[in-house]
């Protein structure tokens, strides 16, 4: 067995809109990392400088580190001018620096017609070109972009995610594996079939599961996302990184989700049990 270690993080806005409530529960659950997507009813991209400073103060006071910015970059129409998304990414970089992280979650753009993904291949070249430009910005600023698979986005399937990542091939762009999102676009046995393609690119993991029959979201190990198999592959590859809980157990929205305190507790317990079953070692959280 390898010397892999895993650190847990969680989307605080899945718990409550109030950032204080978010970090208090994370500390109760022995999680010392926060995925910063939103607080106070606002998306992170819309935070002003005073709000960003307040995020840093609250996190520091509670001994919680921001592990990644859960940005909406790339959740925009692929035919829109790229300049606006580039400007948004610069703002996200400013926020990331201020809260002490170099990681930023991104997506691969909405095609004009999301009724079916049968024609998404025709947008691969444009999506890759746009992401290459954003990756150049990340390299210049020493940031790490994490490309998440997502439904209704060009990079929704194993093959299209691989095409984008293998074309760009930059250490500043890595893959963010979300098991539930693969299931929701009809990918069966995503780890079994996808690890040979995407394993070499993985730099981050979101933890939620889903069922193939109806696409419903569930906690890790309760669906068809092969989360246990993914943990095993990560363990055997020597992964030393984040598992970020994004349970969506009460609501799975277009740009966010919600689980509530009870849902987050259940999701954390399910993940830790699955980790124990797979022999995955959790790095001890900070005692601050």
C-alpha atoms as a PDB file:
ATOM      1  CA  UNK A   1       0.000   0.000   0.000  1.00  0.00           C
ATOM      2  CA  UNK A   2       1.272   3.513  -0.846  1.00  0.00           C
ATOM      3  CA  UNK A   3       1.863   6.413   1.534  1.00  0.00           C
ATOM      4  CA  UNK A   4      -1.238   8.223   0.284  1.00  0.00           C
ATOM      5  CA  UNK A   5      -2.932  10.623   2.675  1.00  0.00           C
ATOM      6  CA  UNK A   6      -6.216  12.438   2.311  1.00  0.00           C
ATOM      7  CA  UNK A   7      -7.372  15.744   3.797  1.00  0.00           C
ATOM      8  CA  UNK A   8     -11.068  16.557   4.017  1.00  0.00           C
ATOM      9  CA  UNK A   9     -12.635  19.822   2.936  1.00  0.00           C
ATOM     10  CA  UNK A  10     -16.269  20.827   2.467  1.00  0.00           C
ATOM     11  CA  UNK A  11     -18.403  23.404   0.711  1.00  0.00           C
ATOM     12  CA  UNK A  12     -19.430  25.665   3.555  1.00  0.00           C
ATOM     13  CA  UNK A  13     -22.449  27.086   1.757  1.00  0.00           C
ATOM     14  CA  UNK A  14     -23.910  23.579   1.753  1.00  0.00           C
ATOM     15  CA  UNK A  15     -24.255  24.019   5.526  1.00  0.00           C
ATOM     16  CA  UNK A  16     -25.570  27.557   5.978  1.00  0.00           C
ATOM     17  CA  UNK A  17     -25.388  31.003   4.379  1.00  0.00           C
ATOM     18  CA  UNK A  18     -23.603  32.399   7.453  1.00  0.00           C
ATOM     19  CA  UNK A  19     -19.852  31.826   7.231  1.00  0.00           C
ATOM     20  CA  UNK A  20     -19.526  31.667  11.018  1.00  0.00           C
ATOM     21  CA  UNK A  21     -22.004  28.781  11.093  1.00  0.00           C
ATOM     22  CA  UNK A  22     -20.172  27.083   8.242  1.00  0.00           C
ATOM     23  CA  UNK A  23     -16.758  27.042   9.900  1.00  0.00           C
ATOM     24  CA  UNK A  24     -18.092  26.162  13.345  1.00  0.00           C
ATOM     25  CA  UNK A  25     -19.655  22.984  11.997  1.00  0.00           C
ATOM     26  CA  UNK A  26     -16.519  22.141  10.037  1.00  0.00           C
ATOM     27  CA  UNK A  27     -14.486  22.364  13.231  1.00  0.00           C
ATOM     28  CA  UNK A  28     -17.071  20.228  15.058  1.00  0.00           C
ATOM     29  CA  UNK A  29     -16.669  17.625  12.311  1.00  0.00           C
ATOM     30  CA  UNK A  30     -12.859  17.796  12.560  1.00  0.00           C
ATOM     31  CA  UNK A  31     -12.514  19.324   9.109  1.00  0.00           C
ATOM     32  CA  UNK A  32     -10.028  22.167   8.882  1.00  0.00           C
ATOM     33  CA  UNK A  33     -10.462  23.076   5.196  1.00  0.00           C
ATOM     34  CA  UNK A  34     -13.205  25.107   3.511  1.00  0.00           C
ATOM     35  CA  UNK A  35     -14.298  25.089  -0.127  1.00  0.00           C
ATOM     36  CA  UNK A  36     -15.184  28.735  -0.655  1.00  0.00           C
ATOM     37  CA  UNK A  37     -18.098  29.008  -3.094  1.00  0.00           C
ATOM     38  CA  UNK A  38     -20.438  31.354  -1.275  1.00  0.00           C
ATOM     39  CA  UNK A  39     -21.443  33.039   1.958  1.00  0.00           C
ATOM     40  CA  UNK A  40     -24.068  35.514   3.120  1.00  0.00           C
ATOM     41  CA  UNK A  41     -26.205  34.590   0.109  1.00  0.00           C
ATOM     42  CA  UNK A  42     -23.532  35.720  -2.353  1.00  0.00           C
ATOM     43  CA  UNK A  43     -21.308  33.861  -4.808  1.00  0.00           C
ATOM     44  CA  UNK A  44     -17.587  34.220  -4.152  1.00  0.00           C
ATOM     45  CA  UNK A  45     -17.101  36.072  -7.446  1.00  0.00           C
ATOM     46  CA  UNK A  46     -19.321  38.900  -6.182  1.00  0.00           C
ATOM     47  CA  UNK A  47     -17.560  39.394  -2.826  1.00  0.00           C
ATOM     48  CA  UNK A  48     -16.192  42.887  -2.336  1.00  0.00           C
ATOM     49  CA  UNK A  49     -12.789  43.436  -0.722  1.00  0.00           C
ATOM     50  CA  UNK A  50     -14.275  43.962   2.748  1.00  0.00           C
ATOM     51  CA  UNK A  51     -16.139  40.645   2.502  1.00  0.00           C
ATOM     52  CA  UNK A  52     -12.989  38.882   1.327  1.00  0.00           C
ATOM     53  CA  UNK A  53     -11.121  40.284   4.330  1.00  0.00           C
ATOM     54  CA  UNK A  54     -13.934  39.067   6.597  1.00  0.00           C
ATOM     55  CA  UNK A  55     -13.628  35.565   5.128  1.00  0.00           C
ATOM     56  CA  UNK A  56      -9.937  35.527   5.950  1.00  0.00           C
ATOM     57  CA  UNK A  57     -10.534  36.838   9.489  1.00  0.00           C
ATOM     58  CA  UNK A  58     -13.259  34.296  10.290  1.00  0.00           C
ATOM     59  CA  UNK A  59     -11.285  31.379   8.881  1.00  0.00           C
ATOM     60  CA  UNK A  60      -8.141  32.407  10.753  1.00  0.00           C
ATOM     61  CA  UNK A  61     -10.094  32.808  13.986  1.00  0.00           C
ATOM     62  CA  UNK A  62     -11.438  29.248  13.688  1.00  0.00           C
ATOM     63  CA  UNK A  63      -8.267  27.579  12.411  1.00  0.00           C
ATOM     64  CA  UNK A  64      -9.808  26.797   9.027  1.00  0.00           C
ATOM     65  CA  UNK A  65      -7.906  27.118   5.743  1.00  0.00           C
ATOM     66  CA  UNK A  66      -9.505  27.784   2.369  1.00  0.00           C
ATOM     67  CA  UNK A  67      -8.465  24.816   0.257  1.00  0.00           C
ATOM     68  CA  UNK A  68      -9.977  25.953  -3.040  1.00  0.00           C
ATOM     69  CA  UNK A  69     -12.111  28.692  -4.569  1.00  0.00           C
ATOM     70  CA  UNK A  70     -15.289  27.069  -5.903  1.00  0.00           C
ATOM     71  CA  UNK A  71     -15.540  29.613  -8.685  1.00  0.00           C
ATOM     72  CA  UNK A  72     -18.160  29.728 -11.464  1.00  0.00           C
ATOM     73  CA  UNK A  73     -15.498  30.378 -14.125  1.00  0.00           C
ATOM     74  CA  UNK A  74     -16.406  28.467 -17.282  1.00  0.00           C
ATOM     75  CA  UNK A  75     -20.066  28.129 -16.330  1.00  0.00           C
ATOM     76  CA  UNK A  76     -20.834  30.608 -19.068  1.00  0.00           C
ATOM     77  CA  UNK A  77     -21.893  30.372 -22.736  1.00  0.00           C
ATOM     78  CA  UNK A  78     -19.079  29.261 -25.008  1.00  0.00           C
ATOM     79  CA  UNK A  79     -20.095  31.874 -27.598  1.00  0.00           C
ATOM     80  CA  UNK A  80     -19.714  34.792 -25.164  1.00  0.00           C
ATOM     81  CA  UNK A  81     -16.534  36.886 -25.464  1.00  0.00           C
ATOM     82  CA  UNK A  82     -13.730  35.233 -23.516  1.00  0.00           C
ATOM     83  CA  UNK A  83     -12.539  38.629 -22.259  1.00  0.00           C
ATOM     84  CA  UNK A  84     -15.280  38.785 -19.636  1.00  0.00           C
ATOM     85  CA  UNK A  85     -14.420  35.374 -18.255  1.00  0.00           C
ATOM     86  CA  UNK A  86     -10.727  36.291 -18.231  1.00  0.00           C
ATOM     87  CA  UNK A  87     -11.570  39.417 -16.212  1.00  0.00           C
ATOM     88  CA  UNK A  88     -13.656  37.303 -13.817  1.00  0.00           C
ATOM     89  CA  UNK A  89     -10.737  34.921 -13.376  1.00  0.00           C
ATOM     90  CA  UNK A  90      -8.406  37.795 -12.529  1.00  0.00           C
ATOM     91  CA  UNK A  91     -10.854  38.828  -9.807  1.00  0.00           C
ATOM     92  CA  UNK A  92     -10.977  35.257  -8.517  1.00  0.00           C
ATOM     93  CA  UNK A  93      -7.171  35.191  -8.416  1.00  0.00           C
ATOM     94  CA  UNK A  94      -7.236  38.348  -6.295  1.00  0.00           C
ATOM     95  CA  UNK A  95      -9.701  36.715  -3.893  1.00  0.00           C
ATOM     96  CA  UNK A  96      -7.687  33.492  -3.787  1.00  0.00           C
ATOM     97  CA  UNK A  97      -4.502  35.339  -2.840  1.00  0.00           C
ATOM     98  CA  UNK A  98      -6.331  37.234  -0.116  1.00  0.00           C
ATOM     99  CA  UNK A  99      -7.747  34.098   1.516  1.00  0.00           C
ATOM    100  CA  UNK A 100      -4.565  32.075   1.137  1.00  0.00           C
ATOM    101  CA  UNK A 101      -5.142  29.493  -1.583  1.00  0.00           C
ATOM    102  CA  UNK A 102      -3.687  28.897  -5.046  1.00  0.00           C
ATOM    103  CA  UNK A 103      -6.430  26.490  -6.210  1.00  0.00           C
ATOM    104  CA  UNK A 104      -9.391  27.564  -8.367  1.00  0.00           C
ATOM    105  CA  UNK A 105     -12.197  25.305  -9.642  1.00  0.00           C
ATOM    106  CA  UNK A 106     -13.305  25.990 -13.231  1.00  0.00           C
ATOM    107  CA  UNK A 107     -15.581  24.513 -15.930  1.00  0.00           C
ATOM    108  CA  UNK A 108     -15.470  24.060 -19.716  1.00  0.00           C
ATOM    109  CA  UNK A 109     -18.362  26.267 -20.928  1.00  0.00           C
ATOM    110  CA  UNK A 110     -21.969  25.788 -21.993  1.00  0.00           C
ATOM    111  CA  UNK A 111     -22.636  24.923 -25.646  1.00  0.00           C
ATOM    112  CA  UNK A 112     -25.498  26.874 -27.285  1.00  0.00           C
ATOM    113  CA  UNK A 113     -27.901  23.920 -27.102  1.00  0.00           C
ATOM    114  CA  UNK A 114     -27.780  21.808 -23.939  1.00  0.00           C
ATOM    115  CA  UNK A 115     -30.873  19.775 -24.810  1.00  0.00           C
ATOM    116  CA  UNK A 116     -28.561  16.909 -25.827  1.00  0.00           C
ATOM    117  CA  UNK A 117     -24.808  16.438 -25.569  1.00  0.00           C
ATOM    118  CA  UNK A 118     -24.676  14.565 -28.877  1.00  0.00           C
ATOM    119  CA  UNK A 119     -23.029  17.536 -30.608  1.00  0.00           C
ATOM    120  CA  UNK A 120     -20.672  18.623 -27.820  1.00  0.00           C
ATOM    121  CA  UNK A 121     -17.627  17.235 -29.674  1.00  0.00           C
ATOM    122  CA  UNK A 122     -17.964  20.087 -32.173  1.00  0.00           C
ATOM    123  CA  UNK A 123     -17.192  22.560 -29.370  1.00  0.00           C
ATOM    124  CA  UNK A 124     -14.107  20.783 -28.038  1.00  0.00           C
ATOM    125  CA  UNK A 125     -11.668  22.908 -30.031  1.00  0.00           C
ATOM    126  CA  UNK A 126     -13.203  26.178 -28.832  1.00  0.00           C
ATOM    127  CA  UNK A 127     -13.460  25.001 -25.210  1.00  0.00           C
ATOM    128  CA  UNK A 128      -9.836  23.864 -25.272  1.00  0.00           C
ATOM    129  CA  UNK A 129      -8.672  27.148 -26.764  1.00  0.00           C
ATOM    130  CA  UNK A 130     -10.469  29.129 -24.061  1.00  0.00           C
ATOM    131  CA  UNK A 131      -9.162  26.941 -21.274  1.00  0.00           C
ATOM    132  CA  UNK A 132      -5.641  27.179 -22.671  1.00  0.00           C
ATOM    133  CA  UNK A 133      -5.858  30.955 -22.380  1.00  0.00           C
ATOM    134  CA  UNK A 134      -7.086  30.728 -18.788  1.00  0.00           C
ATOM    135  CA  UNK A 135      -4.319  28.245 -18.033  1.00  0.00           C
ATOM    136  CA  UNK A 136      -1.731  30.720 -19.314  1.00  0.00           C
ATOM    137  CA  UNK A 137      -3.145  33.257 -16.862  1.00  0.00           C
ATOM    138  CA  UNK A 138      -2.849  30.696 -14.060  1.00  0.00           C
ATOM    139  CA  UNK A 139       0.756  29.960 -14.974  1.00  0.00           C
ATOM    140  CA  UNK A 140       1.612  33.672 -14.940  1.00  0.00           C
ATOM    141  CA  UNK A 141       0.087  34.052 -11.479  1.00  0.00           C
ATOM    142  CA  UNK A 142       1.259  30.674 -10.127  1.00  0.00           C
ATOM    143  CA  UNK A 143      -2.280  29.339  -9.635  1.00  0.00           C
ATOM    144  CA  UNK A 144      -3.673  25.839 -10.143  1.00  0.00           C
ATOM    145  CA  UNK A 145      -6.876  25.523 -12.163  1.00  0.00           C
ATOM    146  CA  UNK A 146      -9.004  22.465 -11.424  1.00  0.00           C
ATOM    147  CA  UNK A 147     -11.266  21.452 -14.301  1.00  0.00           C
ATOM    148  CA  UNK A 148     -14.462  19.825 -13.051  1.00  0.00           C
ATOM    149  CA  UNK A 149     -16.614  17.501 -15.125  1.00  0.00           C
ATOM    150  CA  UNK A 150     -20.208  18.766 -15.151  1.00  0.00           C
ATOM    151  CA  UNK A 151     -23.464  18.089 -16.951  1.00  0.00           C
ATOM    152  CA  UNK A 152     -24.472  20.462 -19.778  1.00  0.00           C
ATOM    153  CA  UNK A 153     -20.811  21.557 -20.081  1.00  0.00           C
ATOM    154  CA  UNK A 154     -18.482  20.590 -22.961  1.00  0.00           C
ATOM    155  CA  UNK A 155     -16.340  18.557 -20.555  1.00  0.00           C
ATOM    156  CA  UNK A 156     -19.110  16.284 -19.310  1.00  0.00           C
ATOM    157  CA  UNK A 157     -17.917  12.810 -20.294  1.00  0.00           C
ATOM    158  CA  UNK A 158     -14.721  10.899 -19.616  1.00  0.00           C
ATOM    159  CA  UNK A 159     -13.608  11.181 -23.226  1.00  0.00           C
ATOM    160  CA  UNK A 160     -14.160  14.923 -23.596  1.00  0.00           C
ATOM    161  CA  UNK A 161     -12.457  15.693 -20.295  1.00  0.00           C
ATOM    162  CA  UNK A 162      -9.495  13.609 -21.435  1.00  0.00           C
ATOM    163  CA  UNK A 163      -9.402  15.366 -24.818  1.00  0.00           C
ATOM    164  CA  UNK A 164      -9.199  18.803 -23.174  1.00  0.00           C
ATOM    165  CA  UNK A 165      -6.610  17.876 -20.564  1.00  0.00           C
ATOM    166  CA  UNK A 166      -4.377  15.885 -22.901  1.00  0.00           C
ATOM    167  CA  UNK A 167      -4.377  18.699 -25.459  1.00  0.00           C
ATOM    168  CA  UNK A 168      -3.419  21.442 -22.981  1.00  0.00           C
ATOM    169  CA  UNK A 169      -1.105  19.295 -20.806  1.00  0.00           C
ATOM    170  CA  UNK A 170      -0.102  21.928 -18.277  1.00  0.00           C
ATOM    171  CA  UNK A 171       0.847  21.500 -14.615  1.00  0.00           C
ATOM    172  CA  UNK A 172      -1.379  24.536 -13.998  1.00  0.00           C
ATOM    173  CA  UNK A 173      -4.488  22.681 -15.203  1.00  0.00           C
ATOM    174  CA  UNK A 174      -5.482  19.474 -13.460  1.00  0.00           C
ATOM    175  CA  UNK A 175      -8.625  17.382 -13.350  1.00  0.00           C
ATOM    176  CA  UNK A 176     -11.225  17.680 -10.594  1.00  0.00           C
ATOM    177  CA  UNK A 177     -13.084  14.353 -10.466  1.00  0.00           C
ATOM    178  CA  UNK A 178     -16.756  14.493  -9.454  1.00  0.00           C
ATOM    179  CA  UNK A 179     -18.234  10.966  -9.439  1.00  0.00           C
ATOM    180  CA  UNK A 180     -21.874  12.074  -9.252  1.00  0.00           C
ATOM    181  CA  UNK A 181     -21.573  14.390 -12.245  1.00  0.00           C
ATOM    182  CA  UNK A 182     -20.362  11.509 -14.418  1.00  0.00           C
ATOM    183  CA  UNK A 183     -23.301   9.367 -13.294  1.00  0.00           C
ATOM    184  CA  UNK A 184     -25.740  12.181 -14.083  1.00  0.00           C
ATOM    185  CA  UNK A 185     -24.650  12.218 -17.735  1.00  0.00           C
ATOM    186  CA  UNK A 186     -25.134   8.457 -17.963  1.00  0.00           C
ATOM    187  CA  UNK A 187     -21.575   7.218 -17.411  1.00  0.00           C
ATOM    188  CA  UNK A 188     -21.721   3.716 -15.943  1.00  0.00           C
ATOM    189  CA  UNK A 189     -18.798   2.426 -13.841  1.00  0.00           C
ATOM    190  CA  UNK A 190     -16.998   5.796 -14.091  1.00  0.00           C
ATOM    191  CA  UNK A 191     -13.928   4.783 -12.091  1.00  0.00           C
ATOM    192  CA  UNK A 192     -13.485   1.435 -13.790  1.00  0.00           C
ATOM    193  CA  UNK A 193     -13.708   2.945 -17.266  1.00  0.00           C
ATOM    194  CA  UNK A 194     -12.354   6.419 -16.533  1.00  0.00           C
ATOM    195  CA  UNK A 195      -9.296   5.938 -14.349  1.00  0.00           C
ATOM    196  CA  UNK A 196      -7.018   4.801 -17.213  1.00  0.00           C
ATOM    197  CA  UNK A 197      -7.958   7.998 -19.092  1.00  0.00           C
ATOM    198  CA  UNK A 198      -8.087  10.565 -16.327  1.00  0.00           C
ATOM    199  CA  UNK A 199      -6.108   9.126 -13.431  1.00  0.00           C
ATOM    200  CA  UNK A 200      -2.841  10.747 -14.560  1.00  0.00           C
ATOM    201  CA  UNK A 201      -4.502  14.187 -14.574  1.00  0.00           C
ATOM    202  CA  UNK A 202      -6.306  14.070 -11.218  1.00  0.00           C
ATOM    203  CA  UNK A 203      -5.435  16.897  -8.869  1.00  0.00           C
ATOM    204  CA  UNK A 204      -8.572  17.179  -6.750  1.00  0.00           C
ATOM    205  CA  UNK A 205     -11.760  15.291  -5.891  1.00  0.00           C
ATOM    206  CA  UNK A 206     -15.314  16.358  -5.097  1.00  0.00           C
ATOM    207  CA  UNK A 207     -17.255  13.822  -3.071  1.00  0.00           C
ATOM    208  CA  UNK A 208     -20.874  13.165  -3.856  1.00  0.00           C
ATOM    209  CA  UNK A 209     -22.591  10.133  -5.356  1.00  0.00           C
ATOM    210  CA  UNK A 210     -25.588   9.598  -7.633  1.00  0.00           C
ATOM    211  CA  UNK A 211     -27.852   6.836  -8.903  1.00  0.00           C
ATOM    212  CA  UNK A 212     -27.946   5.891 -12.567  1.00  0.00           C
ATOM    213  CA  UNK A 213     -31.636   5.042 -12.660  1.00  0.00           C
ATOM    214  CA  UNK A 214     -32.893   8.527 -11.806  1.00  0.00           C
ATOM    215  CA  UNK A 215     -29.831  10.756 -11.377  1.00  0.00           C
ATOM    216  CA  UNK A 216     -30.644  11.429  -7.734  1.00  0.00           C
ATOM    217  CA  UNK A 217     -27.808  12.607  -5.497  1.00  0.00           C
ATOM    218  CA  UNK A 218     -26.745  10.600  -2.450  1.00  0.00           C
ATOM    219  CA  UNK A 219     -23.853  10.280  -0.018  1.00  0.00           C
ATOM    220  CA  UNK A 220     -20.594   8.550  -0.926  1.00  0.00           C
ATOM    221  CA  UNK A 221     -21.030   4.814  -1.414  1.00  0.00           C
ATOM    222  CA  UNK A 222     -24.822   4.988  -1.693  1.00  0.00           C
ATOM    223  CA  UNK A 223     -24.967   5.347  -5.486  1.00  0.00           C
ATOM    224  CA  UNK A 224     -23.349   4.253  -8.749  1.00  0.00           C
ATOM    225  CA  UNK A 225     -20.383   6.651  -8.785  1.00  0.00           C
ATOM    226  CA  UNK A 226     -17.896   3.982  -7.683  1.00  0.00           C
ATOM    227  CA  UNK A 227     -16.574   6.315  -5.000  1.00  0.00           C
ATOM    228  CA  UNK A 228     -14.971   3.456  -3.091  1.00  0.00           C
ATOM    229  CA  UNK A 229     -13.177   2.296  -6.223  1.00  0.00           C
ATOM    230  CA  UNK A 230     -12.018   5.872  -6.830  1.00  0.00           C
ATOM    231  CA  UNK A 231     -10.621   6.095  -3.306  1.00  0.00           C
ATOM    232  CA  UNK A 232      -8.775   2.829  -3.869  1.00  0.00           C
ATOM    233  CA  UNK A 233      -7.226   4.094  -7.103  1.00  0.00           C
ATOM    234  CA  UNK A 234      -6.217   7.336  -5.409  1.00  0.00           C
ATOM    235  CA  UNK A 235      -4.719   5.386  -2.511  1.00  0.00           C
ATOM    236  CA  UNK A 236      -2.743   3.094  -4.794  1.00  0.00           C
ATOM    237  CA  UNK A 237      -1.477   6.011  -6.890  1.00  0.00           C
ATOM    238  CA  UNK A 238      -0.081   7.754  -3.803  1.00  0.00           C
ATOM    239  CA  UNK A 239      -2.574  10.628  -3.839  1.00  0.00           C
ATOM    240  CA  UNK A 240      -1.789  13.205  -1.186  1.00  0.00           C
ATOM    241  CA  UNK A 241      -4.564  15.720  -1.549  1.00  0.00           C
ATOM    242  CA  UNK A 242      -8.055  16.949  -0.846  1.00  0.00           C
ATOM    243  CA  UNK A 243     -11.383  15.158  -0.786  1.00  0.00           C
ATOM    244  CA  UNK A 244     -13.944  17.966  -0.839  1.00  0.00           C
ATOM    245  CA  UNK A 245     -17.471  17.169   0.292  1.00  0.00           C
ATOM    246  CA  UNK A 246     -20.180  18.652  -1.924  1.00  0.00           C
ATOM    247  CA  UNK A 247     -23.139  16.531  -0.822  1.00  0.00           C
ATOM    248  CA  UNK A 248     -26.133  18.312  -2.472  1.00  0.00           C
ATOM    249  CA  UNK A 249     -28.371  16.146  -0.278  1.00  0.00           C
ATOM    250  CA  UNK A 250     -31.209  18.667   0.066  1.00  0.00           C
ATOM    251  CA  UNK A 251     -30.828  20.719  -3.116  1.00  0.00           C
ATOM    252  CA  UNK A 252     -28.746  20.398  -6.268  1.00  0.00           C
ATOM    253  CA  UNK A 253     -28.989  23.741  -8.037  1.00  0.00           C
ATOM    254  CA  UNK A 254     -27.523  25.229 -11.195  1.00  0.00           C
ATOM    255  CA  UNK A 255     -24.645  27.000  -9.456  1.00  0.00           C
ATOM    256  CA  UNK A 256     -24.722  25.677  -5.902  1.00  0.00           C
ATOM    257  CA  UNK A 257     -26.236  23.060  -3.633  1.00  0.00           C
ATOM    258  CA  UNK A 258     -27.465  22.640  -0.088  1.00  0.00           C
ATOM    259  CA  UNK A 259     -27.370  19.864   2.463  1.00  0.00           C
ATOM    260  CA  UNK A 260     -27.897  21.572   5.814  1.00  0.00           C
ATOM    261  CA  UNK A 261     -26.005  20.666   8.965  1.00  0.00           C
ATOM    262  CA  UNK A 262     -27.632  17.246   9.242  1.00  0.00           C
ATOM    263  CA  UNK A 263     -26.935  16.407   5.619  1.00  0.00           C
ATOM    264  CA  UNK A 264     -23.307  17.438   5.941  1.00  0.00           C
ATOM    265  CA  UNK A 265     -22.897  15.310   9.062  1.00  0.00           C
ATOM    266  CA  UNK A 266     -24.297  12.298   7.201  1.00  0.00           C
ATOM    267  CA  UNK A 267     -22.085  12.934   4.176  1.00  0.00           C
ATOM    268  CA  UNK A 268     -18.952  13.227   6.297  1.00  0.00           C
ATOM    269  CA  UNK A 269     -19.744  10.036   8.221  1.00  0.00           C
ATOM    270  CA  UNK A 270     -20.424   8.134   4.981  1.00  0.00           C
ATOM    271  CA  UNK A 271     -17.141   9.283   3.440  1.00  0.00           C
ATOM    272  CA  UNK A 272     -15.082   8.442   6.509  1.00  0.00           C
ATOM    273  CA  UNK A 273     -16.642   4.972   6.691  1.00  0.00           C
ATOM    274  CA  UNK A 274     -15.859   4.411   3.017  1.00  0.00           C
ATOM    275  CA  UNK A 275     -12.291   5.605   3.555  1.00  0.00           C
ATOM    276  CA  UNK A 276     -11.894   3.175   6.456  1.00  0.00           C
ATOM    277  CA  UNK A 277     -13.276   0.337   4.333  1.00  0.00           C
ATOM    278  CA  UNK A 278     -10.765   1.180   1.576  1.00  0.00           C
ATOM    279  CA  UNK A 279      -7.787   1.620   3.894  1.00  0.00           C
ATOM    280  CA  UNK A 280      -7.404   5.327   3.153  1.00  0.00           C
ATOM    281  CA  UNK A 281      -5.532   7.407   5.707  1.00  0.00           C
ATOM    282  CA  UNK A 282      -6.971  10.792   6.674  1.00  0.00           C
ATOM    283  CA  UNK A 283      -4.380  13.403   7.539  1.00  0.00           C
ATOM    284  CA  UNK A 284      -5.059  14.626  11.059  1.00  0.00           C
ATOM    285  CA  UNK A 285      -6.786  18.019  10.950  1.00  0.00           C
ATOM    286  CA  UNK A 286      -5.287  21.073  12.595  1.00  0.00           C
ATOM    287  CA  UNK A 287      -6.011  21.326  16.325  1.00  0.00           C
ATOM    288  CA  UNK A 288      -6.117  25.111  16.271  1.00  0.00           C
END
